[in-house]
Amino acid sequence: MSQVHVLGVFDAAGKAAAAARALRTDGFGKVTAYAPAFDHNLDAAMGPGKSPVRAFTLAGGILGCALGFAFPIYTVLDWPLMTGGKAIVSLPPFVVIAFELTILFAALMTVAGFLLSSGLPRLKPAPYDPRFSQDRWGVLVTCATERTEAARARLTQADAEEVRDAT
């Protein structure tokens, strides 16, 4: 099943928000909005939900903490050095290493999660119109070829200035 990009250009944020909401409600596929400035109505219409980045941060923190304890414990068990009859595996000195690796891995996984959830790096550039950086709003819908005309109709019903196939 092939996918088609249909782009609608709007002169007002409210019209773009209505189009995005209608396309998402009808299940047309992936809907992307372009705006020259932030608009709360358009943001709400896109239904951003909760960011998946926080799961990456949590996973990185847990992994970092586990490795922060595992590496020193493995090291002292592999090369034991008895000093003053103290226990070979003593957790308090390892807490500093575990804390540092928790912060490091959580930060690195946050950046990785942000890049992945943002779709970066983008190997194929997304369809874009320079007017979206000036005074127009855009709604791009990626839908199945069979639903192209219905997507065009939805964008036209929302009072789009221009509706075209985007490449």
C-alpha atoms as a PDB file:
ATOM      1  CA  MET A   1       0.000   0.000   0.000  1.00  0.00           C
ATOM      2  CA  SER A   2       1.578   3.276  -1.083  1.00  0.00           C
ATOM      3  CA  GLN A   3       1.449   6.487   0.882  1.00  0.00           C
ATOM      4  CA  VAL A   4       0.624   9.960  -0.460  1.00  0.00           C
ATOM      5  CA  HIS A   5       1.352  13.337   1.141  1.00  0.00           C
ATOM      6  CA  VAL A   6      -1.444  15.900   0.865  1.00  0.00           C
ATOM      7  CA  LEU A   7      -0.656  19.439   2.007  1.00  0.00           C
ATOM      8  CA  GLY A   8      -3.172  22.131   2.914  1.00  0.00           C
ATOM      9  CA  VAL A   9      -2.192  25.795   3.293  1.00  0.00           C
ATOM     10  CA  PHE A  10      -4.270  27.977   5.640  1.00  0.00           C
ATOM     11  CA  ASP A  11      -4.401  31.694   6.405  1.00  0.00           C
ATOM     12  CA  ALA A  12      -5.421  31.246  10.060  1.00  0.00           C
ATOM     13  CA  ALA A  13      -4.366  28.966  12.879  1.00  0.00           C
ATOM     14  CA  GLY A  14      -7.958  28.121  13.797  1.00  0.00           C
ATOM     15  CA  LYS A  15      -8.667  26.738  10.338  1.00  0.00           C
ATOM     16  CA  ALA A  16      -5.492  24.644  10.413  1.00  0.00           C
ATOM     17  CA  ALA A  17      -6.416  23.348  13.875  1.00  0.00           C
ATOM     18  CA  ALA A  18      -9.892  22.362  12.682  1.00  0.00           C
ATOM     19  CA  ALA A  19      -8.413  20.538   9.685  1.00  0.00           C
ATOM     20  CA  ALA A  20      -5.841  18.707  11.808  1.00  0.00           C
ATOM     21  CA  ARG A  21      -8.494  17.694  14.332  1.00  0.00           C
ATOM     22  CA  ALA A  22     -10.819  16.409  11.588  1.00  0.00           C
ATOM     23  CA  LEU A  23      -8.045  14.432   9.879  1.00  0.00           C
ATOM     24  CA  ARG A  24      -6.899  12.860  13.153  1.00  0.00           C
ATOM     25  CA  THR A  25     -10.471  12.038  14.197  1.00  0.00           C
ATOM     26  CA  ASP A  26     -11.183  10.334  10.879  1.00  0.00           C
ATOM     27  CA  GLY A  27      -7.977   8.270  11.126  1.00  0.00           C
ATOM     28  CA  PHE A  28      -6.338   9.384   7.905  1.00  0.00           C
ATOM     29  CA  GLY A  29      -2.818   8.613   9.077  1.00  0.00           C
ATOM     30  CA  LYS A  30       0.078  10.725  10.212  1.00  0.00           C
ATOM     31  CA  VAL A  31      -0.821  14.419  10.471  1.00  0.00           C
ATOM     32  CA  THR A  32       1.870  17.098  10.699  1.00  0.00           C
ATOM     33  CA  ALA A  33       1.237  20.790  11.334  1.00  0.00           C
ATOM     34  CA  TYR A  34       3.435  23.718  10.308  1.00  0.00           C
ATOM     35  CA  ALA A  35       3.080  27.152  11.899  1.00  0.00           C
ATOM     36  CA  PRO A  36       4.951  30.469  11.841  1.00  0.00           C
ATOM     37  CA  ALA A  37       4.293  30.864  15.593  1.00  0.00           C
ATOM     38  CA  PHE A  38       3.104  28.649  18.417  1.00  0.00           C
ATOM     39  CA  ASP A  39      -0.658  28.297  18.732  1.00  0.00           C
ATOM     40  CA  HIS A  40      -2.385  26.518  21.616  1.00  0.00           C
ATOM     41  CA  ASN A  41      -5.391  25.451  19.542  1.00  0.00           C
ATOM     42  CA  LEU A  42      -3.200  23.852  16.878  1.00  0.00           C
ATOM     43  CA  ASP A  43      -1.132  22.150  19.559  1.00  0.00           C
ATOM     44  CA  ALA A  44      -4.262  20.753  21.207  1.00  0.00           C
ATOM     45  CA  ALA A  45      -5.615  19.605  17.830  1.00  0.00           C
ATOM     46  CA  MET A  46      -2.438  17.629  17.191  1.00  0.00           C
ATOM     47  CA  GLY A  47      -2.932  15.801  20.496  1.00  0.00           C
ATOM     48  CA  PRO A  48       0.716  15.555  21.483  1.00  0.00           C
ATOM     49  CA  GLY A  49       0.143  13.405  24.558  1.00  0.00           C
ATOM     50  CA  LYS A  50       2.985  12.445  26.829  1.00  0.00           C
ATOM     51  CA  SER A  51       6.522  12.440  25.545  1.00  0.00           C
ATOM     52  CA  PRO A  52       8.265   9.058  25.204  1.00  0.00           C
ATOM     53  CA  VAL A  53      11.566  10.733  26.099  1.00  0.00           C
ATOM     54  CA  ARG A  54      10.969  10.242  29.813  1.00  0.00           C
ATOM     55  CA  ALA A  55      11.035   6.451  29.358  1.00  0.00           C
ATOM     56  CA  PHE A  56      14.452   6.750  27.699  1.00  0.00           C
ATOM     57  CA  THR A  57      15.662   8.866  30.637  1.00  0.00           C
ATOM     58  CA  LEU A  58      14.412   6.344  33.172  1.00  0.00           C
ATOM     59  CA  ALA A  59      15.964   3.413  31.299  1.00  0.00           C
ATOM     60  CA  GLY A  60      19.275   5.264  31.039  1.00  0.00           C
ATOM     61  CA  GLY A  61      19.241   6.101  34.745  1.00  0.00           C
ATOM     62  CA  ILE A  62      18.520   2.521  35.793  1.00  0.00           C
ATOM     63  CA  LEU A  63      21.162   1.162  33.436  1.00  0.00           C
ATOM     64  CA  GLY A  64      23.718   3.704  34.663  1.00  0.00           C
ATOM     65  CA  CYS A  65      23.024   2.932  38.311  1.00  0.00           C
ATOM     66  CA  ALA A  66      23.264  -0.830  37.720  1.00  0.00           C
ATOM     67  CA  LEU A  67      26.533  -0.450  35.820  1.00  0.00           C
ATOM     68  CA  GLY A  68      27.804   1.979  38.461  1.00  0.00           C
ATOM     69  CA  PHE A  69      27.587  -0.795  41.031  1.00  0.00           C
ATOM     70  CA  ALA A  70      28.393  -3.736  38.734  1.00  0.00           C
ATOM     71  CA  PHE A  71      31.704  -2.441  37.338  1.00  0.00           C
ATOM     72  CA  PRO A  72      33.380  -1.701  40.699  1.00  0.00           C
ATOM     73  CA  ILE A  73      32.048  -4.912  42.258  1.00  0.00           C
ATOM     74  CA  TYR A  74      33.362  -6.949  39.326  1.00  0.00           C
ATOM     75  CA  THR A  75      36.713  -5.158  39.552  1.00  0.00           C
ATOM     76  CA  VAL A  76      37.232  -5.793  43.277  1.00  0.00           C
ATOM     77  CA  LEU A  77      36.136  -9.425  42.933  1.00  0.00           C
ATOM     78  CA  ASP A  78      38.466  -9.985  39.988  1.00  0.00           C
ATOM     79  CA  TRP A  79      41.441  -8.300  41.700  1.00  0.00           C
ATOM     80  CA  PRO A  80      40.826  -8.618  45.439  1.00  0.00           C
ATOM     81  CA  LEU A  81      42.968  -6.422  47.667  1.00  0.00           C
ATOM     82  CA  MET A  82      42.499  -7.035  51.369  1.00  0.00           C
ATOM     83  CA  THR A  83      43.239  -3.939  53.448  1.00  0.00           C
ATOM     84  CA  GLY A  84      42.884  -3.990  57.191  1.00  0.00           C
ATOM     85  CA  GLY A  85      40.485  -6.929  57.213  1.00  0.00           C
ATOM     86  CA  LYS A  86      37.691  -4.874  55.603  1.00  0.00           C
ATOM     87  CA  ALA A  87      35.084  -6.440  53.352  1.00  0.00           C
ATOM     88  CA  ILE A  88      36.129  -6.658  49.712  1.00  0.00           C
ATOM     89  CA  VAL A  89      32.724  -5.540  48.427  1.00  0.00           C
ATOM     90  CA  SER A  90      31.729  -2.461  50.384  1.00  0.00           C
ATOM     91  CA  LEU A  91      28.872  -0.495  48.838  1.00  0.00           C
ATOM     92  CA  PRO A  92      29.391   3.015  50.299  1.00  0.00           C
ATOM     93  CA  PRO A  93      32.482   3.796  48.161  1.00  0.00           C
ATOM     94  CA  PHE A  94      30.641   2.600  45.046  1.00  0.00           C
ATOM     95  CA  VAL A  95      27.686   4.949  45.544  1.00  0.00           C
ATOM     96  CA  VAL A  96      29.619   7.884  44.067  1.00  0.00           C
ATOM     97  CA  ILE A  97      30.432   5.925  40.900  1.00  0.00           C
ATOM     98  CA  ALA A  98      26.845   4.674  40.633  1.00  0.00           C
ATOM     99  CA  PHE A  99      25.482   8.210  41.055  1.00  0.00           C
ATOM    100  CA  GLU A 100      27.779   9.631  38.376  1.00  0.00           C
ATOM    101  CA  LEU A 101      26.955   6.868  35.889  1.00  0.00           C
ATOM    102  CA  THR A 102      23.246   7.268  36.625  1.00  0.00           C
ATOM    103  CA  ILE A 103      23.413  10.946  35.664  1.00  0.00           C
ATOM    104  CA  LEU A 104      25.630  10.279  32.627  1.00  0.00           C
ATOM    105  CA  PHE A 105      23.523   7.465  31.165  1.00  0.00           C
ATOM    106  CA  ALA A 106      20.241   9.275  31.894  1.00  0.00           C
ATOM    107  CA  ALA A 107      21.508  12.386  30.077  1.00  0.00           C
ATOM    108  CA  LEU A 108      22.811  10.415  27.091  1.00  0.00           C
ATOM    109  CA  MET A 109      19.609   8.398  26.798  1.00  0.00           C
ATOM    110  CA  THR A 110      17.545  11.600  27.043  1.00  0.00           C
ATOM    111  CA  VAL A 111      19.380  13.026  24.046  1.00  0.00           C
ATOM    112  CA  ALA A 112      19.013   9.737  22.156  1.00  0.00           C
ATOM    113  CA  GLY A 113      15.292   9.559  23.011  1.00  0.00           C
ATOM    114  CA  PHE A 114      14.768  13.144  21.878  1.00  0.00           C
ATOM    115  CA  LEU A 115      16.488  12.497  18.558  1.00  0.00           C
ATOM    116  CA  LEU A 116      14.577   9.260  17.929  1.00  0.00           C
ATOM    117  CA  SER A 117      11.164  10.633  18.876  1.00  0.00           C
ATOM    118  CA  SER A 118      11.794  13.747  16.751  1.00  0.00           C
ATOM    119  CA  GLY A 119      12.565  11.593  13.734  1.00  0.00           C
ATOM    120  CA  LEU A 120      16.114  12.873  13.495  1.00  0.00           C
ATOM    121  CA  PRO A 121      18.279  12.510  11.574  1.00  0.00           C
ATOM    122  CA  ARG A 122      15.784  12.932   8.758  1.00  0.00           C
ATOM    123  CA  LEU A 123      17.163  11.103   5.728  1.00  0.00           C
ATOM    124  CA  LYS A 124      14.408  12.301   3.409  1.00  0.00           C
ATOM    125  CA  PRO A 125      13.307  15.901   3.982  1.00  0.00           C
ATOM    126  CA  ALA A 126       9.662  16.440   4.854  1.00  0.00           C
ATOM    127  CA  PRO A 127       7.472  18.400   2.439  1.00  0.00           C
ATOM    128  CA  TYR A 128       7.620  22.068   3.388  1.00  0.00           C
ATOM    129  CA  ASP A 129       6.524  25.413   2.015  1.00  0.00           C
ATOM    130  CA  PRO A 130       8.536  28.571   2.865  1.00  0.00           C
ATOM    131  CA  ARG A 131       5.283  30.419   3.575  1.00  0.00           C
ATOM    132  CA  PHE A 132       4.977  28.413   6.791  1.00  0.00           C
ATOM    133  CA  SER A 133       7.838  30.479   8.219  1.00  0.00           C
ATOM    134  CA  GLN A 134       6.146  33.761   7.301  1.00  0.00           C
ATOM    135  CA  ASP A 135       2.374  34.077   7.555  1.00  0.00           C
ATOM    136  CA  ARG A 136       0.680  30.787   6.681  1.00  0.00           C
ATOM    137  CA  TRP A 137      -0.164  27.567   8.518  1.00  0.00           C
ATOM    138  CA  GLY A 138       0.042  24.141   6.967  1.00  0.00           C
ATOM    139  CA  VAL A 139      -1.382  20.705   7.599  1.00  0.00           C
ATOM    140  CA  LEU A 140       0.304  17.721   5.978  1.00  0.00           C
ATOM    141  CA  VAL A 141      -1.426  14.357   6.019  1.00  0.00           C
ATOM    142  CA  THR A 142       0.208  11.109   4.983  1.00  0.00           C
ATOM    143  CA  CYS A 143      -2.509   8.717   3.918  1.00  0.00           C
ATOM    144  CA  ALA A 144      -3.114   5.693   1.720  1.00  0.00           C
ATOM    145  CA  THR A 145      -3.534   6.373  -1.995  1.00  0.00           C
ATOM    146  CA  GLU A 146      -7.183   5.300  -1.843  1.00  0.00           C
ATOM    147  CA  ARG A 147      -7.970   7.998   0.725  1.00  0.00           C
ATOM    148  CA  THR A 148      -6.295  10.898  -1.115  1.00  0.00           C
ATOM    149  CA  GLU A 149      -9.515  12.433  -2.400  1.00  0.00           C
ATOM    150  CA  ALA A 150     -11.166  12.180   1.012  1.00  0.00           C
ATOM    151  CA  ALA A 151      -8.161  13.933   2.607  1.00  0.00           C
ATOM    152  CA  ARG A 152      -8.325  16.669  -0.027  1.00  0.00           C
ATOM    153  CA  ALA A 153     -12.036  17.084   0.696  1.00  0.00           C
ATOM    154  CA  ARG A 154     -11.420  17.390   4.457  1.00  0.00           C
ATOM    155  CA  LEU A 155      -8.759  20.058   3.899  1.00  0.00           C
ATOM    156  CA  THR A 156     -11.024  21.936   1.487  1.00  0.00           C
ATOM    157  CA  GLN A 157     -13.951  21.746   3.952  1.00  0.00           C
ATOM    158  CA  ALA A 158     -11.696  23.337   6.577  1.00  0.00           C
ATOM    159  CA  ASP A 159     -11.306  26.340   4.215  1.00  0.00           C
ATOM    160  CA  ALA A 160      -7.764  25.731   2.987  1.00  0.00           C
ATOM    161  CA  GLU A 161      -6.384  28.343   0.603  1.00  0.00           C
ATOM    162  CA  GLU A 162      -4.532  25.662  -1.314  1.00  0.00           C
ATOM    163  CA  VAL A 163      -4.597  21.872  -1.305  1.00  0.00           C
ATOM    164  CA  ARG A 164      -1.926  19.971  -3.238  1.00  0.00           C
ATOM    165  CA  ASP A 165       0.102  16.802  -3.341  1.00  0.00           C
ATOM    166  CA  ALA A 166       3.413  17.280  -1.566  1.00  0.00           C
ATOM    167  CA  THR A 167       6.600  15.587  -2.643  1.00  0.00           C
END
